[in-house]
Amino acid sequence: MSGKDPGEVQIVVSPYRICPLGAHIYHQGGTVTAMTINKGILLGFVPSGDSEVVSHSGQFGGEVRFSSVKVVIAVLDAF
């Protein structure tokens, strides 16, 4: 999908989690009994060496582009 050598592709796996006690209970100092399930997100990426992120999906058409620098600045500004 990236057009790069398969040896350059790095992988991140993020399992889905559930919390039987309710969403966001940890924000209120409550006990969390979260657990993973056998579903999740698998992300393959190739570092580009710059701040632009280009995303393609195997399930959805099109492409998304954004600057990771602008995301960091927006997050910092939110605090």
N, C-alpha and C. Protein backbone atom coordinates (compact mmCIF):
# COMPACT_ATOMS: atom_id res chain seq x y z
N MET A 1 0.82 -1.19 0.00
CA MET A 1 0.00 0.00 0.00
C MET A 1 0.87 1.26 0.00
N SER A 2 2.01 1.22 0.70
CA SER A 2 2.87 2.40 0.78
C SER A 2 3.80 2.52 -0.42
N GLY A 3 3.98 1.43 -1.14
CA GLY A 3 4.91 1.45 -2.25
C GLY A 3 6.36 1.34 -1.80
N LYS A 4 6.59 1.13 -0.52
CA LYS A 4 7.94 1.02 0.05
C LYS A 4 8.34 -0.44 0.19
N ASP A 5 9.61 -0.68 0.43
CA ASP A 5 10.11 -2.02 0.68
C ASP A 5 9.45 -2.56 1.95
N PRO A 6 8.94 -3.80 1.94
CA PRO A 6 8.28 -4.35 3.14
C PRO A 6 9.15 -4.31 4.39
N GLY A 7 10.47 -4.34 4.24
CA GLY A 7 11.36 -4.27 5.39
C GLY A 7 11.35 -2.92 6.08
N GLU A 8 10.85 -1.88 5.40
CA GLU A 8 10.78 -0.54 6.00
C GLU A 8 9.52 -0.33 6.83
N VAL A 9 8.53 -1.21 6.65
CA VAL A 9 7.24 -1.05 7.32
C VAL A 9 7.37 -1.43 8.79
N GLN A 10 6.88 -0.55 9.66
CA GLN A 10 6.83 -0.80 11.09
C GLN A 10 5.37 -0.99 11.47
N ILE A 11 5.12 -1.73 12.55
CA ILE A 11 3.76 -2.10 12.94
C ILE A 11 3.46 -1.64 14.36
N VAL A 12 2.23 -1.14 14.57
CA VAL A 12 1.72 -0.82 15.90
C VAL A 12 0.39 -1.55 16.05
N VAL A 13 0.20 -2.24 17.17
CA VAL A 13 -1.05 -2.94 17.45
C VAL A 13 -1.68 -2.32 18.68
N SER A 14 -2.95 -1.97 18.57
CA SER A 14 -3.67 -1.39 19.69
C SER A 14 -4.95 -2.19 19.92
N PRO A 15 -4.98 -3.04 20.97
CA PRO A 15 -6.18 -3.84 21.21
C PRO A 15 -7.34 -2.97 21.72
N TYR A 16 -8.54 -3.34 21.33
CA TYR A 16 -9.71 -2.66 21.87
C TYR A 16 -9.86 -3.06 23.33
N ARG A 17 -10.36 -2.15 24.13
CA ARG A 17 -10.57 -2.41 25.55
C ARG A 17 -12.02 -2.12 25.91
N ILE A 18 -12.50 -2.85 26.88
CA ILE A 18 -13.84 -2.59 27.40
C ILE A 18 -13.74 -2.37 28.90
N CYS A 19 -14.69 -1.63 29.44
CA CYS A 19 -14.74 -1.38 30.88
C CYS A 19 -16.17 -1.67 31.35
N PRO A 20 -16.39 -2.84 31.94
CA PRO A 20 -17.75 -3.22 32.35
C PRO A 20 -18.40 -2.25 33.34
N LEU A 21 -17.61 -1.45 34.06
CA LEU A 21 -18.18 -0.54 35.04
C LEU A 21 -18.68 0.76 34.44
N GLY A 22 -18.39 1.01 33.18
CA GLY A 22 -18.86 2.24 32.53
C GLY A 22 -17.71 3.05 31.97
N ALA A 23 -18.06 3.83 30.98
CA ALA A 23 -17.05 4.64 30.28
C ALA A 23 -16.56 5.78 31.17
N HIS A 24 -15.30 6.06 31.10
CA HIS A 24 -14.65 7.22 31.72
C HIS A 24 -14.71 7.23 33.24
N ILE A 25 -14.91 6.09 33.87
CA ILE A 25 -14.96 6.05 35.33
C ILE A 25 -13.62 6.45 35.94
N TYR A 26 -12.52 6.19 35.21
CA TYR A 26 -11.19 6.52 35.73
C TYR A 26 -10.99 8.02 35.85
N HIS A 27 -11.72 8.83 35.07
CA HIS A 27 -11.62 10.29 35.17
C HIS A 27 -12.13 10.79 36.52
N GLN A 28 -12.97 9.99 37.14
CA GLN A 28 -13.57 10.39 38.41
C GLN A 28 -12.93 9.68 39.59
N GLY A 29 -11.75 9.07 39.35
CA GLY A 29 -11.03 8.41 40.42
C GLY A 29 -11.57 7.04 40.78
N GLY A 30 -12.40 6.47 39.94
CA GLY A 30 -13.00 5.16 40.24
C GLY A 30 -12.09 4.01 39.88
N THR A 31 -12.49 2.83 40.32
CA THR A 31 -11.76 1.61 40.01
C THR A 31 -11.98 1.23 38.55
N VAL A 32 -10.92 0.82 37.90
CA VAL A 32 -11.02 0.44 36.50
C VAL A 32 -10.75 -1.05 36.38
N THR A 33 -11.66 -1.76 35.75
CA THR A 33 -11.47 -3.19 35.51
C THR A 33 -11.46 -3.45 34.01
N ALA A 34 -10.80 -2.57 33.29
CA ALA A 34 -10.77 -2.69 31.84
C ALA A 34 -10.06 -3.98 31.42
N MET A 35 -10.48 -4.50 30.29
CA MET A 35 -9.86 -5.70 29.73
C MET A 35 -9.85 -5.59 28.22
N THR A 36 -8.93 -6.30 27.61
CA THR A 36 -8.88 -6.28 26.15
C THR A 36 -9.79 -7.37 25.60
N ILE A 37 -10.18 -7.19 24.34
CA ILE A 37 -10.95 -8.20 23.63
C ILE A 37 -10.16 -8.60 22.39
N ASN A 38 -10.64 -9.57 21.66
CA ASN A 38 -9.88 -10.08 20.51
C ASN A 38 -10.12 -9.27 19.24
N LYS A 39 -10.28 -7.98 19.38
CA LYS A 39 -10.41 -7.04 18.26
C LYS A 39 -9.44 -5.89 18.51
N GLY A 40 -9.13 -5.13 17.48
CA GLY A 40 -8.24 -4.00 17.68
C GLY A 40 -7.89 -3.32 16.38
N ILE A 41 -6.90 -2.47 16.46
CA ILE A 41 -6.42 -1.71 15.31
C ILE A 41 -5.00 -2.15 15.02
N LEU A 42 -4.72 -2.42 13.75
CA LEU A 42 -3.39 -2.77 13.29
C LEU A 42 -2.95 -1.66 12.35
N LEU A 43 -1.86 -1.00 12.68
CA LEU A 43 -1.38 0.13 11.90
C LEU A 43 0.02 -0.17 11.39
N GLY A 44 0.18 -0.17 10.08
CA GLY A 44 1.50 -0.29 9.47
C GLY A 44 1.93 1.08 8.98
N PHE A 45 3.19 1.44 9.20
CA PHE A 45 3.65 2.76 8.78
C PHE A 45 5.11 2.72 8.35
N VAL A 46 5.47 3.70 7.55
CA VAL A 46 6.85 3.88 7.11
C VAL A 46 7.26 5.29 7.49
N PRO A 47 8.25 5.45 8.39
CA PRO A 47 8.68 6.80 8.76
C PRO A 47 9.14 7.57 7.52
N SER A 48 8.72 8.84 7.43
CA SER A 48 9.02 9.63 6.24
C SER A 48 10.19 10.59 6.44
N GLY A 49 10.53 10.88 7.69
CA GLY A 49 11.61 11.82 7.95
C GLY A 49 11.17 13.26 8.02
N ASP A 50 9.87 13.52 7.82
CA ASP A 50 9.36 14.89 7.98
C ASP A 50 8.10 14.86 8.85
N SER A 51 7.44 15.99 9.01
CA SER A 51 6.30 16.08 9.93
C SER A 51 4.96 15.78 9.27
N GLU A 52 4.95 15.52 7.97
CA GLU A 52 3.68 15.24 7.30
C GLU A 52 3.27 13.78 7.51
N VAL A 53 2.02 13.58 7.89
CA VAL A 53 1.45 12.25 8.04
C VAL A 53 0.49 12.03 6.89
N VAL A 54 0.66 10.93 6.16
CA VAL A 54 -0.22 10.57 5.06
C VAL A 54 -0.83 9.22 5.40
N SER A 55 -2.15 9.15 5.42
CA SER A 55 -2.84 7.93 5.85
C SER A 55 -3.69 7.37 4.72
N HIS A 56 -3.57 6.06 4.52
CA HIS A 56 -4.40 5.32 3.57
C HIS A 56 -5.04 4.17 4.34
N SER A 57 -6.24 3.80 3.96
CA SER A 57 -6.93 2.70 4.62
C SER A 57 -7.15 1.55 3.65
N GLY A 58 -7.06 0.34 4.17
CA GLY A 58 -7.40 -0.83 3.37
C GLY A 58 -8.90 -1.01 3.24
N GLN A 59 -9.69 -0.27 4.04
CA GLN A 59 -11.14 -0.42 4.03
C GLN A 59 -11.87 0.79 3.45
N PHE A 60 -11.23 1.94 3.44
CA PHE A 60 -11.88 3.16 2.99
C PHE A 60 -11.03 3.81 1.91
N GLY A 61 -11.66 4.39 0.91
CA GLY A 61 -10.93 5.04 -0.16
C GLY A 61 -10.39 6.40 0.25
N GLY A 62 -9.53 6.94 -0.57
CA GLY A 62 -9.02 8.27 -0.33
C GLY A 62 -7.76 8.29 0.51
N GLU A 63 -7.40 9.48 0.90
CA GLU A 63 -6.14 9.73 1.61
C GLU A 63 -6.36 10.89 2.57
N VAL A 64 -5.70 10.83 3.72
CA VAL A 64 -5.74 11.91 4.70
C VAL A 64 -4.32 12.39 4.91
N ARG A 65 -4.12 13.71 4.88
CA ARG A 65 -2.80 14.31 5.13
C ARG A 65 -2.92 15.36 6.22
N PHE A 66 -1.95 15.37 7.13
CA PHE A 66 -1.90 16.43 8.14
C PHE A 66 -0.48 16.55 8.67
N SER A 67 -0.20 17.65 9.32
CA SER A 67 1.11 17.91 9.90
C SER A 67 1.10 17.49 11.37
N SER A 68 2.00 16.61 11.74
CA SER A 68 2.08 16.18 13.14
C SER A 68 2.50 17.34 14.04
N VAL A 69 3.24 18.29 13.51
CA VAL A 69 3.64 19.47 14.29
C VAL A 69 2.41 20.28 14.67
N LYS A 70 1.49 20.46 13.73
CA LYS A 70 0.27 21.23 14.03
C LYS A 70 -0.60 20.52 15.06
N VAL A 71 -0.61 19.19 15.03
CA VAL A 71 -1.37 18.44 16.03
C VAL A 71 -0.78 18.64 17.42
N VAL A 72 0.53 18.57 17.54
CA VAL A 72 1.19 18.77 18.84
C VAL A 72 0.92 20.16 19.36
N ILE A 73 1.02 21.16 18.50
CA ILE A 73 0.76 22.55 18.91
C ILE A 73 -0.69 22.70 19.38
N ALA A 74 -1.64 22.11 18.66
CA ALA A 74 -3.04 22.20 19.05
C ALA A 74 -3.28 21.54 20.40
N VAL A 75 -2.65 20.41 20.64
CA VAL A 75 -2.80 19.72 21.93
C VAL A 75 -2.21 20.56 23.05
N LEU A 76 -1.03 21.10 22.84
CA LEU A 76 -0.40 21.95 23.86
C LEU A 76 -1.23 23.19 24.15
N ASP A 77 -1.80 23.78 23.11
CA ASP A 77 -2.64 24.97 23.28
C ASP A 77 -3.91 24.65 24.07
N ALA A 78 -4.38 23.40 24.00
CA ALA A 78 -5.59 23.02 24.70
C ALA A 78 -5.38 22.99 26.21
N PHE A 79 -4.13 22.89 26.65
CA PHE A 79 -3.85 22.86 28.08
C PHE A 79 -3.54 24.25 28.53
